[in-house]
Amino acid sequence: MSTLKILATAATAIFLIAGCATSGGKSAAEATPGKFVTYNCEGKKSFSVRFDAENGTARIRTHEGSAELSKGARGLYRDDGGEWILTLADGNGTELVYKSKAVYKNCTAQ
């Protein structure tokens, strides 16, 4: 077997393994619809999210209260009153804004 074939085979195996280890770009909450997922954020803050794939909504529970958010433009989730904005991401990119202030930043699913 040539060196080029060995490298190509190794590269393919690595890409397949990496592909299986990711959530396909979905956040932890979106990857587990119907279940609350807790996010730990900087400043020792936390909140929970339950994603409803059928309705495209996210239910949040925080120390400030709870709300039902609908998916809107650019993939952001917002409540009807405009007080809450949730950005779901994989890794530590999830953020929750309350009353125009990023209260929960650099959040990671637990």
Protein backbone atom coordinates (compact mmCIF):
# COMPACT_ATOMS: atom_id res chain seq x y z
CA MET A 1 0.00 0.00 0.00
CA SER A 2 1.43 3.38 -0.94
CA THR A 3 2.09 6.16 1.55
CA LEU A 4 -0.54 8.33 -0.17
CA LYS A 5 -3.22 5.65 0.24
CA ILE A 6 -2.31 5.16 3.90
CA LEU A 7 -2.55 8.92 4.54
CA ALA A 8 -5.87 9.17 2.69
CA THR A 9 -7.29 6.23 4.67
CA ALA A 10 -6.09 7.72 7.97
CA ALA A 11 -7.54 11.14 7.12
CA THR A 12 -10.89 9.59 6.20
CA ALA A 13 -11.00 7.66 9.48
CA ILE A 14 -10.25 10.81 11.47
CA PHE A 15 -13.01 12.76 9.70
CA LEU A 16 -15.52 9.97 10.30
CA ILE A 17 -14.66 9.78 13.99
CA ALA A 18 -14.84 13.56 14.36
CA GLY A 19 -18.19 13.64 12.58
CA CYS A 20 -19.66 11.09 14.97
CA ALA A 21 -18.44 13.03 18.00
CA THR A 22 -20.24 16.27 17.09
CA SER A 23 -23.90 17.16 17.45
CA GLY A 24 -24.17 18.33 13.85
CA GLY A 25 -24.01 21.98 14.87
CA LYS A 26 -26.90 21.67 17.31
CA SER A 27 -26.75 22.90 20.86
CA ALA A 28 -27.13 20.40 23.71
CA ALA A 29 -30.72 21.59 24.25
CA GLU A 30 -31.62 21.16 20.57
CA ALA A 31 -29.96 17.75 20.50
CA THR A 32 -32.15 16.54 23.40
CA PRO A 33 -35.64 17.97 22.72
CA GLY A 34 -38.23 17.66 25.48
CA LYS A 35 -35.67 17.53 28.29
CA PHE A 36 -34.33 20.37 30.41
CA VAL A 37 -30.62 20.97 29.91
CA THR A 38 -28.71 22.99 32.51
CA TYR A 39 -26.14 25.52 31.33
CA ASN A 40 -23.36 26.73 33.63
CA CYS A 41 -22.07 30.20 32.80
CA GLU A 42 -19.31 32.54 33.85
CA GLY A 43 -19.75 34.11 37.26
CA LYS A 44 -21.12 30.80 38.64
CA LYS A 45 -24.54 31.48 37.11
CA SER A 46 -26.78 28.83 35.58
CA PHE A 47 -30.10 28.39 33.79
CA SER A 48 -32.08 25.56 32.20
CA VAL A 49 -33.57 25.19 28.70
CA ARG A 50 -36.07 22.71 27.27
CA PHE A 51 -36.22 22.72 23.47
CA ASP A 52 -39.49 21.86 21.69
CA ALA A 53 -38.54 20.78 18.17
CA GLU A 54 -42.15 20.41 17.04
CA ASN A 55 -43.07 24.03 17.83
CA GLY A 56 -39.63 25.61 17.45
CA THR A 57 -39.68 27.02 20.97
CA ALA A 58 -37.40 26.97 23.99
CA ARG A 59 -38.59 27.10 27.61
CA ILE A 60 -36.09 28.76 29.96
CA ARG A 61 -35.86 28.66 33.76
CA THR A 62 -33.59 31.17 35.49
CA HIS A 63 -33.17 32.85 38.87
CA GLU A 64 -35.00 35.87 37.39
CA GLY A 65 -37.98 33.78 36.26
CA SER A 66 -39.08 31.61 33.35
CA ALA A 67 -40.34 32.24 29.83
CA GLU A 68 -41.36 30.55 26.59
CA LEU A 69 -39.20 31.74 23.70
CA SER A 70 -39.91 31.42 19.97
CA LYS A 71 -37.26 30.99 17.31
CA GLY A 72 -36.88 34.11 15.23
CA ALA A 73 -34.46 35.75 12.86
CA ARG A 74 -30.85 34.51 12.80
CA GLY A 75 -31.74 31.52 14.98
CA LEU A 76 -32.28 33.59 18.12
CA TYR A 77 -35.04 32.69 20.58
CA ARG A 78 -37.12 35.58 21.98
CA ASP A 79 -40.14 36.01 24.23
CA ASP A 80 -43.19 38.02 23.15
CA GLY A 81 -42.36 40.89 25.51
CA GLY A 82 -38.80 41.27 24.24
CA GLU A 83 -37.19 40.80 27.66
CA TRP A 84 -35.37 37.52 26.90
CA ILE A 85 -33.05 36.63 23.99
CA LEU A 86 -31.39 33.21 23.89
CA THR A 87 -28.55 32.28 21.57
CA LEU A 88 -28.02 28.51 21.57
CA ALA A 89 -24.65 27.21 20.42
CA ASP A 90 -22.44 24.21 20.90
CA GLY A 91 -19.36 24.51 23.11
CA ASN A 92 -19.44 27.51 25.43
CA GLY A 93 -21.15 29.91 22.99
CA THR A 94 -24.64 29.86 24.53
CA GLU A 95 -25.77 33.23 25.89
CA LEU A 96 -28.96 34.51 27.55
CA VAL A 97 -29.84 38.21 27.51
CA TYR A 98 -32.37 39.62 29.99
CA LYS A 99 -33.67 43.18 29.67
CA SER A 100 -30.94 44.10 27.14
CA LYS A 101 -28.12 42.83 29.37
CA ALA A 102 -26.10 39.65 28.73
CA VAL A 103 -26.74 38.16 32.18
CA TYR A 104 -25.62 34.62 31.28
CA LYS A 105 -22.42 34.51 29.19
CA ASN A 106 -20.03 31.81 27.96
CA CYS A 107 -22.44 29.06 28.99
CA THR A 108 -21.72 25.35 28.62
CA ALA A 109 -24.26 22.51 28.82
CA GLN A 110 -23.83 20.10 31.72
